[in-house]
PDB file of N, CA and C in Angstrom:
ATOM      1  N   MET A   1     114.070  78.402 129.612  1.00  0.00           N
ATOM      2  CA  MET A   1     114.286  77.112 128.981  1.00  0.00           C
ATOM      3  C   MET A   1     115.800  76.861 128.919  1.00  0.00           C
ATOM      4  N   PRO A   2     116.250  75.755 129.446  1.00  0.00           N
ATOM      5  CA  PRO A   2     117.694  75.457 129.385  1.00  0.00           C
ATOM      6  C   PRO A   2     118.085  74.986 127.980  1.00  0.00           C
ATOM      7  N   TYR A   3     119.208  75.484 127.524  1.00  0.00           N
ATOM      8  CA  TYR A   3     119.711  75.126 126.200  1.00  0.00           C
ATOM      9  C   TYR A   3     120.950  74.261 126.350  1.00  0.00           C
ATOM     10  N   GLN A   4     121.161  73.400 125.382  1.00  0.00           N
ATOM     11  CA  GLN A   4     122.332  72.539 125.377  1.00  0.00           C
ATOM     12  C   GLN A   4     123.570  73.274 124.867  1.00  0.00           C
ATOM     13  N   CYS A   5     123.357  74.227 123.929  1.00  0.00           N
ATOM     14  CA  CYS A   5     124.462  74.985 123.369  1.00  0.00           C
ATOM     15  C   CYS A   5     123.908  76.235 122.699  1.00  0.00           C
ATOM     16  N   GLY A   6     124.798  77.088 122.193  1.00  0.00           N
ATOM     17  CA  GLY A   6     124.383  78.323 121.543  1.00  0.00           C
ATOM     18  C   GLY A   6     123.535  78.086 120.308  1.00  0.00           C
ATOM     19  N   LEU A   7     123.848  77.040 119.541  1.00  0.00           N
ATOM     20  CA  LEU A   7     123.040  76.737 118.348  1.00  0.00           C
ATOM     21  C   LEU A   7     121.615  76.384 118.740  1.00  0.00           C
ATOM     22  N   ASP A   8     121.453  75.682 119.837  1.00  0.00           N
ATOM     23  CA  ASP A   8     120.136  75.321 120.340  1.00  0.00           C
ATOM     24  C   ASP A   8     119.332  76.587 120.641  1.00  0.00           C
ATOM     25  N   ALA A   9     119.972  77.568 121.286  1.00  0.00           N
ATOM     26  CA  ALA A   9     119.305  78.829 121.616  1.00  0.00           C
ATOM     27  C   ALA A   9     118.957  79.616 120.359  1.00  0.00           C
ATOM     28  N   ALA A  10     119.848  79.601 119.369  1.00  0.00           N
ATOM     29  CA  ALA A  10     119.606  80.334 118.123  1.00  0.00           C
ATOM     30  C   ALA A  10     118.475  79.694 117.324  1.00  0.00           C
ATOM     31  N   VAL A  11     118.510  78.381 117.203  1.00  0.00           N
ATOM     32  CA  VAL A  11     117.483  77.681 116.423  1.00  0.00           C
ATOM     33  C   VAL A  11     116.112  77.853 117.071  1.00  0.00           C
ATOM     34  N   ASP A  12     116.065  77.962 118.389  1.00  0.00           N
ATOM     35  CA  ASP A  12     114.799  78.183 119.081  1.00  0.00           C
ATOM     36  C   ASP A  12     114.142  79.480 118.616  1.00  0.00           C
ATOM     37  N   VAL A  13     114.940  80.490 118.304  1.00  0.00           N
ATOM     38  CA  VAL A  13     114.426  81.790 117.885  1.00  0.00           C
ATOM     39  C   VAL A  13     113.991  81.780 116.422  1.00  0.00           C
ATOM     40  N   ILE A  14     114.630  80.998 115.574  1.00  0.00           N
ATOM     41  CA  ILE A  14     114.321  81.009 114.135  1.00  0.00           C
ATOM     42  C   ILE A  14     113.593  79.757 113.682  1.00  0.00           C
ATOM     43  N   ASP A  15     113.120  78.969 114.618  1.00  0.00           N
ATOM     44  CA  ASP A  15     112.437  77.722 114.292  1.00  0.00           C
ATOM     45  C   ASP A  15     111.201  77.992 113.440  1.00  0.00           C
ATOM     46  N   GLY A  16     110.982  77.170 112.466  1.00  0.00           N
ATOM     47  CA  GLY A  16     109.814  77.294 111.607  1.00  0.00           C
ATOM     48  C   GLY A  16     110.181  77.794 110.228  1.00  0.00           C
ATOM     49  N   LYS A  17     109.208  77.719 109.336  1.00  0.00           N
ATOM     50  CA  LYS A  17     109.440  78.046 107.932  1.00  0.00           C
ATOM     51  C   LYS A  17     109.622  79.539 107.690  1.00  0.00           C
ATOM     52  N   TRP A  18     108.951  80.388 108.447  1.00  0.00           N
ATOM     53  CA  TRP A  18     108.827  81.787 108.065  1.00  0.00           C
ATOM     54  C   TRP A  18     109.769  82.751 108.761  1.00  0.00           C
ATOM     55  N   LYS A  19     110.274  82.429 109.934  1.00  0.00           N
ATOM     56  CA  LYS A  19     111.029  83.419 110.704  1.00  0.00           C
ATOM     57  C   LYS A  19     112.300  83.883 109.999  1.00  0.00           C
ATOM     58  N   VAL A  20     113.014  82.989 109.382  1.00  0.00           N
ATOM     59  CA  VAL A  20     114.224  83.400 108.659  1.00  0.00           C
ATOM     60  C   VAL A  20     113.847  84.306 107.484  1.00  0.00           C
ATOM     61  N   LEU A  21     112.741  84.002 106.825  1.00  0.00           N
ATOM     62  CA  LEU A  21     112.295  84.834 105.704  1.00  0.00           C
ATOM     63  C   LEU A  21     111.803  86.197 106.179  1.00  0.00           C
ATOM     64  N   ILE A  22     111.196  86.254 107.354  1.00  0.00           N
ATOM     65  CA  ILE A  22     110.793  87.540 107.932  1.00  0.00           C
ATOM     66  C   ILE A  22     112.033  88.364 108.256  1.00  0.00           C
ATOM     67  N   LEU A  23     113.050  87.722 108.826  1.00  0.00           N
ATOM     68  CA  LEU A  23     114.322  88.415 109.075  1.00  0.00           C
ATOM     69  C   LEU A  23     114.862  89.010 107.782  1.00  0.00           C
ATOM     70  N   TRP A  24     114.845  88.208 106.735  1.00  0.00           N
ATOM     71  CA  TRP A  24     115.330  88.666 105.426  1.00  0.00           C
ATOM     72  C   TRP A  24     114.513  89.866 104.942  1.00  0.00           C
ATOM     73  N   ALA A  25     113.193  89.800 105.088  1.00  0.00           N
ATOM     74  CA  ALA A  25     112.324  90.872 104.602  1.00  0.00           C
ATOM     75  C   ALA A  25     112.540  92.178 105.365  1.00  0.00           C
ATOM     76  N   LEU A  26     112.881  92.089 106.637  1.00  0.00           N
ATOM     77  CA  LEU A  26     113.023  93.288 107.464  1.00  0.00           C
ATOM     78  C   LEU A  26     114.453  93.811 107.533  1.00  0.00           C
ATOM     79  N   HIS A  27     115.417  93.099 106.951  1.00  0.00           N
ATOM     80  CA  HIS A  27     116.809  93.481 107.175  1.00  0.00           C
ATOM     81  C   HIS A  27     117.208  94.800 106.512  1.00  0.00           C
ATOM     82  N   GLU A  28     116.548  95.191 105.447  1.00  0.00           N
ATOM     83  CA  GLU A  28     116.936  96.424 104.756  1.00  0.00           C
ATOM     84  C   GLU A  28     116.335  97.671 105.384  1.00  0.00           C
ATOM     85  N   ARG A  29     115.083  97.576 105.814  1.00  0.00           N
ATOM     86  CA  ARG A  29     114.399  98.754 106.368  1.00  0.00           C
ATOM     87  C   ARG A  29     113.140  98.299 107.106  1.00  0.00           C
ATOM     88  N   PRO A  30     112.610  99.187 107.957  1.00  0.00           N
ATOM     89  CA  PRO A  30     111.332  98.865 108.611  1.00  0.00           C
ATOM     90  C   PRO A  30     110.234  98.707 107.563  1.00  0.00           C
ATOM     91  N   ARG A  31     109.293  97.850 107.861  1.00  0.00           N
ATOM     92  CA  ARG A  31     108.181  97.622 106.929  1.00  0.00           C
ATOM     93  C   ARG A  31     106.873  97.540 107.698  1.00  0.00           C
ATOM     94  N   ARG A  32     105.838  97.955 107.025  1.00  0.00           N
ATOM     95  CA  ARG A  32     104.498  97.775 107.574  1.00  0.00           C
ATOM     96  C   ARG A  32     104.084  96.324 107.363  1.00  0.00           C
ATOM     97  N   PHE A  33     103.039  95.927 108.059  1.00  0.00           N
ATOM     98  CA  PHE A  33     102.574  94.547 108.012  1.00  0.00           C
ATOM     99  C   PHE A  33     102.283  94.108 106.580  1.00  0.00           C
ATOM    100  N   GLY A  34     101.515  94.912 105.844  1.00  0.00           N
ATOM    101  CA  GLY A  34     101.133  94.549 104.475  1.00  0.00           C
ATOM    102  C   GLY A  34     102.324  94.421 103.546  1.00  0.00           C
ATOM    103  N   ALA A  35     103.291  95.331 103.690  1.00  0.00           N
ATOM    104  CA  ALA A  35     104.497  95.266 102.852  1.00  0.00           C
ATOM    105  C   ALA A  35     105.304  94.016 103.170  1.00  0.00           C
ATOM    106  N   THR A  36     105.357  93.666 104.441  1.00  0.00           N
ATOM    107  CA  THR A  36     106.076  92.448 104.838  1.00  0.00           C
ATOM    108  C   THR A  36     105.383  91.225 104.249  1.00  0.00           C
ATOM    109  N   ARG A  37     104.072  91.219 104.301  1.00  0.00           N
ATOM    110  CA  ARG A  37     103.321  90.085 103.743  1.00  0.00           C
ATOM    111  C   ARG A  37     103.537  89.965 102.235  1.00  0.00           C
ATOM    112  N   ARG A  38     103.583  91.080 101.538  1.00  0.00           N
ATOM    113  CA  ARG A  38     103.813  91.040 100.082  1.00  0.00           C
ATOM    114  C   ARG A  38     105.206  90.504  99.749  1.00  0.00           C
ATOM    115  N   GLU A  39     106.171  90.707 100.625  1.00  0.00           N
ATOM    116  CA  GLU A  39     107.527  90.177 100.421  1.00  0.00           C
ATOM    117  C   GLU A  39     107.571  88.657 100.572  1.00  0.00           C
ATOM    118  N   LEU A  40     106.555  88.095 101.209  1.00  0.00           N
ATOM    119  CA  LEU A  40     106.559  86.674 101.547  1.00  0.00           C
ATOM    120  C   LEU A  40     105.336  85.970 100.980  1.00  0.00           C
ATOM    121  N   PRO A  41     105.300  85.750  99.666  1.00  0.00           N
ATOM    122  CA  PRO A  41     104.141  85.081  99.068  1.00  0.00           C
ATOM    123  C   PRO A  41     103.906  83.726  99.739  1.00  0.00           C
ATOM    124  N   GLY A  42     102.657  83.472 100.042  1.00  0.00           N
ATOM    125  CA  GLY A  42     102.310  82.189 100.639  1.00  0.00           C
ATOM    126  C   GLY A  42     102.071  82.242 102.133  1.00  0.00           C
ATOM    127  N   ILE A  43     102.496  83.302 102.804  1.00  0.00           N
ATOM    128  CA  ILE A  43     102.258  83.394 104.242  1.00  0.00           C
ATOM    129  C   ILE A  43     100.875  83.997 104.474  1.00  0.00           C
ATOM    130  N   SER A  44     100.145  83.467 105.418  1.00  0.00           N
ATOM    131  CA  SER A  44      98.826  84.014 105.739  1.00  0.00           C
ATOM    132  C   SER A  44      98.982  85.155 106.740  1.00  0.00           C
ATOM    133  N   GLU A  45      97.963  85.998 106.814  1.00  0.00           N
ATOM    134  CA  GLU A  45      97.986  87.093 107.786  1.00  0.00           C
ATOM    135  C   GLU A  45      98.126  86.549 109.197  1.00  0.00           C
ATOM    136  N   LYS A  46      97.395  85.492 109.485  1.00  0.00           N
ATOM    137  CA  LYS A  46      97.411  84.905 110.828  1.00  0.00           C
ATOM    138  C   LYS A  46      98.812  84.429 111.203  1.00  0.00           C
ATOM    139  N   VAL A  47      99.456  83.720 110.307  1.00  0.00           N
ATOM    140  CA  VAL A  47     100.793  83.191 110.586  1.00  0.00           C
ATOM    141  C   VAL A  47     101.802  84.322 110.702  1.00  0.00           C
ATOM    142  N   LEU A  48     101.726  85.320 109.805  1.00  0.00           N
ATOM    143  CA  LEU A  48     102.656  86.437 109.888  1.00  0.00           C
ATOM    144  C   LEU A  48     102.502  87.168 111.220  1.00  0.00           C
ATOM    145  N   ALA A  49     101.264  87.436 111.624  1.00  0.00           N
ATOM    146  CA  ALA A  49     101.030  88.125 112.899  1.00  0.00           C
ATOM    147  C   ALA A  49     101.592  87.311 114.067  1.00  0.00           C
ATOM    148  N   GLN A  50     101.365  86.006 114.040  1.00  0.00           N
ATOM    149  CA  GLN A  50     101.861  85.127 115.111  1.00  0.00           C
ATOM    150  C   GLN A  50     103.389  85.122 115.142  1.00  0.00           C
ATOM    151  N   GLN A  51     104.004  84.990 113.982  1.00  0.00           N
ATOM    152  CA  GLN A  51     105.468  84.944 113.918  1.00  0.00           C
ATOM    153  C   GLN A  51     106.084  86.261 114.375  1.00  0.00           C
ATOM    154  N   LEU A  52     105.486  87.386 113.956  1.00  0.00           N
ATOM    155  CA  LEU A  52     105.991  88.696 114.376  1.00  0.00           C
ATOM    156  C   LEU A  52     105.859  88.867 115.891  1.00  0.00           C
ATOM    157  N   ARG A  53     104.751  88.405 116.464  1.00  0.00           N
ATOM    158  CA  ARG A  53     104.591  88.482 117.932  1.00  0.00           C
ATOM    159  C   ARG A  53     105.665  87.661 118.638  1.00  0.00           C
ATOM    160  N   GLU A  54     105.912  86.448 118.132  1.00  0.00           N
ATOM    161  CA  GLU A  54     106.936  85.599 118.743  1.00  0.00           C
ATOM    162  C   GLU A  54     108.315  86.236 118.618  1.00  0.00           C
ATOM    163  N   MET A  55     108.614  86.813 117.463  1.00  0.00           N
ATOM    164  CA  MET A  55     109.919  87.442 117.248  1.00  0.00           C
ATOM    165  C   MET A  55     110.070  88.697 118.111  1.00  0.00           C
ATOM    166  N   GLU A  56     108.966  89.393 118.341  1.00  0.00           N
ATOM    167  CA  GLU A  56     108.998  90.548 119.236  1.00  0.00           C
ATOM    168  C   GLU A  56     109.272  90.082 120.674  1.00  0.00           C
ATOM    169  N   ALA A  57     108.625  89.005 121.091  1.00  0.00           N
ATOM    170  CA  ALA A  57     108.848  88.455 122.429  1.00  0.00           C
ATOM    171  C   ALA A  57     110.287  87.972 122.601  1.00  0.00           C
ATOM    172  N   ASP A  58     110.901  87.508 121.506  1.00  0.00           N
ATOM    173  CA  ASP A  58     112.293  87.044 121.538  1.00  0.00           C
ATOM    174  C   ASP A  58     113.292  88.191 121.355  1.00  0.00           C
ATOM    175  N   LEU A  59     112.778  89.435 121.281  1.00  0.00           N
ATOM    176  CA  LEU A  59     113.606  90.642 121.169  1.00  0.00           C
ATOM    177  C   LEU A  59     114.362  90.729 119.847  1.00  0.00           C
ATOM    178  N   ILE A  60     113.808  90.108 118.804  1.00  0.00           N
ATOM    179  CA  ILE A  60     114.410  90.114 117.474  1.00  0.00           C
ATOM    180  C   ILE A  60     113.774  91.204 116.614  1.00  0.00           C
ATOM    181  N   VAL A  61     112.492  91.460 116.838  1.00  0.00           N
ATOM    182  CA  VAL A  61     111.723  92.432 116.059  1.00  0.00           C
ATOM    183  C   VAL A  61     111.168  93.497 117.000  1.00  0.00           C
ATOM    184  N   HIS A  62     111.187  94.742 116.509  1.00  0.00           N
ATOM    185  CA  HIS A  62     110.591  95.870 117.243  1.00  0.00           C
ATOM    186  C   HIS A  62     109.321  96.290 116.509  1.00  0.00           C
ATOM    187  N   ARG A  63     108.269  96.510 117.264  1.00  0.00           N
ATOM    188  CA  ARG A  63     106.981  96.960 116.709  1.00  0.00           C
ATOM    189  C   ARG A  63     106.782  98.409 117.136  1.00  0.00           C
ATOM    190  N   GLU A  64     106.660  99.296 116.152  1.00  0.00           N
ATOM    191  CA  GLU A  64     106.472 100.720 116.423  1.00  0.00           C
ATOM    192  C   GLU A  64     105.094 101.141 115.942  1.00  0.00           C
ATOM    193  N   VAL A  65     104.295 101.713 116.851  1.00  0.00           N
ATOM    194  CA  VAL A  65     102.957 102.186 116.515  1.00  0.00           C
ATOM    195  C   VAL A  65     103.023 103.701 116.372  1.00  0.00           C
ATOM    196  N   TYR A  66     102.578 104.209 115.222  1.00  0.00           N
ATOM    197  CA  TYR A  66     102.515 105.642 114.958  1.00  0.00           C
ATOM    198  C   TYR A  66     101.050 106.059 115.027  1.00  0.00           C
ATOM    199  N   GLU A  67     100.681 106.708 116.118  1.00  0.00           N
ATOM    200  CA  GLU A  67      99.288 107.106 116.304  1.00  0.00           C
ATOM    201  C   GLU A  67      99.032 108.549 115.927  1.00  0.00           C
ATOM    202  N   ASP A  68     100.060 109.269 115.490  1.00  0.00           N
ATOM    203  CA  ASP A  68      99.918 110.674 115.160  1.00  0.00           C
ATOM    204  C   ASP A  68      99.375 110.908 113.750  1.00  0.00           C
ATOM    205  N   THR A  69      99.019 109.827 113.068  1.00  0.00           N
ATOM    206  CA  THR A  69      98.455 109.947 111.726  1.00  0.00           C
ATOM    207  C   THR A  69      96.951 109.717 111.799  1.00  0.00           C
ATOM    208  N   ALA A  70      96.237 110.052 110.731  1.00  0.00           N
ATOM    209  CA  ALA A  70      94.784 109.879 110.710  1.00  0.00           C
ATOM    210  C   ALA A  70      94.411 108.424 110.982  1.00  0.00           C
ATOM    211  N   VAL A  71      95.139 107.527 110.362  1.00  0.00           N
ATOM    212  CA  VAL A  71      94.950 106.094 110.608  1.00  0.00           C
ATOM    213  C   VAL A  71      96.245 105.599 111.245  1.00  0.00           C
ATOM    214  N   PRO A  72      96.181 105.155 112.498  1.00  0.00           N
ATOM    215  CA  PRO A  72      97.418 104.674 113.140  1.00  0.00           C
ATOM    216  C   PRO A  72      98.077 103.583 112.298  1.00  0.00           C
ATOM    217  N   ARG A  73      99.388 103.660 112.189  1.00  0.00           N
ATOM    218  CA  ARG A  73     100.109 102.659 111.414  1.00  0.00           C
ATOM    219  C   ARG A  73     101.141 101.994 112.310  1.00  0.00           C
ATOM    220  N   VAL A  74     101.511 100.785 111.910  1.00  0.00           N
ATOM    221  CA  VAL A  74     102.481  99.997 112.664  1.00  0.00           C
ATOM    222  C   VAL A  74     103.598  99.611 111.719  1.00  0.00           C
ATOM    223  N   GLU A  75     104.821  99.783 112.172  1.00  0.00           N
ATOM    224  CA  GLU A  75     105.982  99.336 111.403  1.00  0.00           C
ATOM    225  C   GLU A  75     106.772  98.335 112.234  1.00  0.00           C
ATOM    226  N   TYR A  76     107.354  97.383 111.526  1.00  0.00           N
ATOM    227  CA  TYR A  76     108.206  96.380 112.157  1.00  0.00           C
ATOM    228  C   TYR A  76     109.629  96.569 111.654  1.00  0.00           C
ATOM    229  N   SER A  77     110.574  96.423 112.572  1.00  0.00           N
ATOM    230  CA  SER A  77     111.985  96.532 112.213  1.00  0.00           C
ATOM    231  C   SER A  77     112.770  95.538 113.056  1.00  0.00           C
ATOM    232  N   LEU A  78     113.993  95.277 112.619  1.00  0.00           N
ATOM    233  CA  LEU A  78     114.860  94.405 113.397  1.00  0.00           C
ATOM    234  C   LEU A  78     115.487  95.194 114.532  1.00  0.00           C
ATOM    235  N   THR A  79     115.597  94.560 115.672  1.00  0.00           N
ATOM    236  CA  THR A  79     116.349  95.128 116.782  1.00  0.00           C
ATOM    237  C   THR A  79     117.836  94.896 116.506  1.00  0.00           C
ATOM    238  N   GLU A  80     118.689  95.409 117.370  1.00  0.00           N
ATOM    239  CA  GLU A  80     120.122  95.151 117.220  1.00  0.00           C
ATOM    240  C   GLU A  80     120.378  93.638 117.257  1.00  0.00           C
ATOM    241  N   LEU A  81     119.707  92.953 118.161  1.00  0.00           N
ATOM    242  CA  LEU A  81     119.838  91.496 118.252  1.00  0.00           C
ATOM    243  C   LEU A  81     119.362  90.822 116.967  1.00  0.00           C
ATOM    244  N   GLY A  82     118.289  91.349 116.384  1.00  0.00           N
ATOM    245  CA  GLY A  82     117.783  90.825 115.121  1.00  0.00           C
ATOM    246  C   GLY A  82     118.760  91.043 113.980  1.00  0.00           C
ATOM    247  N   ARG A  83     119.400  92.212 113.943  1.00  0.00           N
ATOM    248  CA  ARG A  83     120.404  92.483 112.898  1.00  0.00           C
ATOM    249  C   ARG A  83     121.608  91.554 113.067  1.00  0.00           C
ATOM    250  N   GLU A  84     122.005  91.320 114.315  1.00  0.00           N
ATOM    251  CA  GLU A  84     123.115  90.394 114.561  1.00  0.00           C
ATOM    252  C   GLU A  84     122.757  88.983 114.095  1.00  0.00           C
ATOM    253  N   LEU A  85     121.515  88.574 114.358  1.00  0.00           N
ATOM    254  CA  LEU A  85     121.075  87.246 113.919  1.00  0.00           C
ATOM    255  C   LEU A  85     121.059  87.172 112.398  1.00  0.00           C
ATOM    256  N   HIS A  86     120.557  88.209 111.739  1.00  0.00           N
ATOM    257  CA  HIS A  86     120.548  88.236 110.276  1.00  0.00           C
ATOM    258  C   HIS A  86     121.968  88.093 109.732  1.00  0.00           C
ATOM    259  N   ASP A  87     122.904  88.842 110.312  1.00  0.00           N
ATOM    260  CA  ASP A  87     124.299  88.767 109.867  1.00  0.00           C
ATOM    261  C   ASP A  87     124.887  87.387 110.121  1.00  0.00           C
ATOM    262  N   ALA A  88     124.536  86.783 111.245  1.00  0.00           N
ATOM    263  CA  ALA A  88     125.051  85.453 111.569  1.00  0.00           C
ATOM    264  C   ALA A  88     124.538  84.400 110.594  1.00  0.00           C
ATOM    265  N   LEU A  89     123.355  84.630 110.023  1.00  0.00           N
ATOM    266  CA  LEU A  89     122.781  83.675 109.076  1.00  0.00           C
ATOM    267  C   LEU A  89     123.362  83.835 107.670  1.00  0.00           C
ATOM    268  N   GLY A  90     124.131  84.903 107.447  1.00  0.00           N
ATOM    269  CA  GLY A  90     124.737  85.148 106.136  1.00  0.00           C
ATOM    270  C   GLY A  90     125.532  83.970 105.602  1.00  0.00           C
ATOM    271  N   PRO A  91     126.463  83.405 106.382  1.00  0.00           N
ATOM    272  CA  PRO A  91     127.225  82.248 105.881  1.00  0.00           C
ATOM    273  C   PRO A  91     126.333  81.041 105.561  1.00  0.00           C
ATOM    274  N   LEU A  92     125.269  80.859 106.329  1.00  0.00           N
ATOM    275  CA  LEU A  92     124.351  79.759 106.044  1.00  0.00           C
ATOM    276  C   LEU A  92     123.638  79.997 104.711  1.00  0.00           C
ATOM    277  N   GLY A  93     123.258  81.252 104.443  1.00  0.00           N
ATOM    278  CA  GLY A  93     122.641  81.588 103.158  1.00  0.00           C
ATOM    279  C   GLY A  93     123.602  81.378 102.001  1.00  0.00           C
ATOM    280  N   ALA A  94     124.873  81.733 102.208  1.00  0.00           N
ATOM    281  CA  ALA A  94     125.884  81.528 101.152  1.00  0.00           C
ATOM    282  C   ALA A  94     126.044  80.035 100.877  1.00  0.00           C
ATOM    283  N   TRP A  95     126.052  79.216 101.921  1.00  0.00           N
ATOM    284  CA  TRP A  95     126.140  77.771 101.753  1.00  0.00           C
ATOM    285  C   TRP A  95     124.923  77.275 100.966  1.00  0.00           C
ATOM    286  N   GLY A  96     123.735  77.788 101.305  1.00  0.00           N
ATOM    287  CA  GLY A  96     122.520  77.392 100.605  1.00  0.00           C
ATOM    288  C   GLY A  96     122.567  77.754  99.130  1.00  0.00           C
ATOM    289  N   ASN A  97     123.117  78.941  98.812  1.00  0.00           N
ATOM    290  CA  ASN A  97     123.249  79.344  97.407  1.00  0.00           C
ATOM    291  C   ASN A  97     124.193  78.409  96.648  1.00  0.00           C
ATOM    292  N   ARG A  98     125.290  78.011  97.300  1.00  0.00           N
ATOM    293  CA  ARG A  98     126.204  77.052  96.655  1.00  0.00           C
ATOM    294  C   ARG A  98     125.498  75.722  96.417  1.00  0.00           C
ATOM    295  N   ARG A  99     124.694  75.300  97.355  1.00  0.00           N
ATOM    296  CA  ARG A  99     123.953  74.040  97.208  1.00  0.00           C
ATOM    297  C   ARG A  99     122.949  74.134  96.059  1.00  0.00           C
ATOM    298  N   ILE A 100     122.257  75.256  95.956  1.00  0.00           N
ATOM    299  CA  ILE A 100     121.300  75.450  94.858  1.00  0.00           C
ATOM    300  C   ILE A 100     122.020  75.324  93.514  1.00  0.00           C
ATOM    301  N   ARG A 101     123.174  76.013  93.378  1.00  0.00           N
ATOM    302  CA  ARG A 101     123.935  75.937  92.117  1.00  0.00           C
ATOM    303  C   ARG A 101     124.372  74.503  91.831  1.00  0.00           C
ATOM    304  N   MET A 102     124.839  73.791  92.851  1.00  0.00           N
ATOM    305  CA  MET A 102     125.276  72.420  92.677  1.00  0.00           C
ATOM    306  C   MET A 102     124.119  71.538  92.201  1.00  0.00           C
ATOM    307  N   LEU A 103     122.951  71.708  92.823  1.00  0.00           N
ATOM    308  CA  LEU A 103     121.789  70.909  92.424  1.00  0.00           C
ATOM    309  C   LEU A 103     121.353  71.235  91.005  1.00  0.00           C
ATOM    310  N   GLN A 104     121.429  72.522  90.622  1.00  0.00           N
ATOM    311  CA  GLN A 104     121.087  72.911  89.264  1.00  0.00           C
ATOM    312  C   GLN A 104     122.050  72.282  88.257  1.00  0.00           C
ATOM    313  N   GLU A 105     123.331  72.300  88.588  1.00  0.00           N
ATOM    314  CA  GLU A 105     124.336  71.689  87.701  1.00  0.00           C
ATOM    315  C   GLU A 105     124.109  70.193  87.563  1.00  0.00           C
ATOM    316  N   LEU A 106     123.784  69.536  88.667  1.00  0.00           N
ATOM    317  CA  LEU A 106     123.505  68.094  88.601  1.00  0.00           C
ATOM    318  C   LEU A 106     122.281  67.805  87.735  1.00  0.00           C
ATOM    319  N   GLU A 107     121.263  68.630  87.898  1.00  0.00           N
ATOM    320  CA  GLU A 107     120.045  68.439  87.112  1.00  0.00           C
ATOM    321  C   GLU A 107     120.316  68.674  85.634  1.00  0.00           C
ATOM    322  N   GLU A 108     121.075  69.713  85.309  1.00  0.00           N
ATOM    323  CA  GLU A 108     121.404  69.997  83.913  1.00  0.00           C
ATOM    324  C   GLU A 108     122.242  68.886  83.299  1.00  0.00           C
ATOM    325  N   SER A 109     123.201  68.362  84.065  1.00  0.00           N
ATOM    326  CA  SER A 109     124.030  67.300  83.520  1.00  0.00           C
ATOM    327  C   SER A 109     123.244  65.998  83.359  1.00  0.00           C
ATOM    328  N   SER A 110     122.267  65.752  84.210  1.00  0.00           N
ATOM    329  CA  SER A 110     121.466  64.527  84.047  1.00  0.00           C
ATOM    330  C   SER A 110     120.509  64.656  82.872  1.00  0.00           C
ATOM    331  N   LEU A 111     120.035  65.873  82.582  1.00  0.00           N
ATOM    332  CA  LEU A 111     119.169  66.086  81.424  1.00  0.00           C
ATOM    333  C   LEU A 111     119.968  65.983  80.116  1.00  0.00           C
ATOM    334  N   ALA A 112     121.216  66.420  80.163  1.00  0.00           N
ATOM    335  CA  ALA A 112     122.053  66.399  78.966  1.00  0.00           C
ATOM    336  C   ALA A 112     122.578  64.986  78.663  1.00  0.00           C
ATOM    337  N   GLY A 113     122.698  64.200  79.707  1.00  0.00           N
ATOM    338  CA  GLY A 113     123.336  62.899  79.510  1.00  0.00           C
ATOM    339  C   GLY A 113     122.373  61.830  79.355  1.00  0.00           C
TER     340      GLY A 113
END
């Protein structure tokens, strides 16, 4: 797919409501599917599975299957590219936090006045 610029290519990978939140959930350590779902209230199993597959295809998430246990388990983790994307989104998250504080201050001042 041809992209117009680097932002276009980046947004293509994180498009949608859940992918940025999945990045956030996986940034500290690998997680199993159920643990990832618990980190993201409101996401359905179907959507989480679909998003993880897409992120794996985009080389953002690594899926590791451990079959040496009685019940095979699967863990998801960020790839190096995924960690770089998470770090790149840091300034955007900081901007969002400033916006949240600003909106809270506006709401408080309108309630007081």
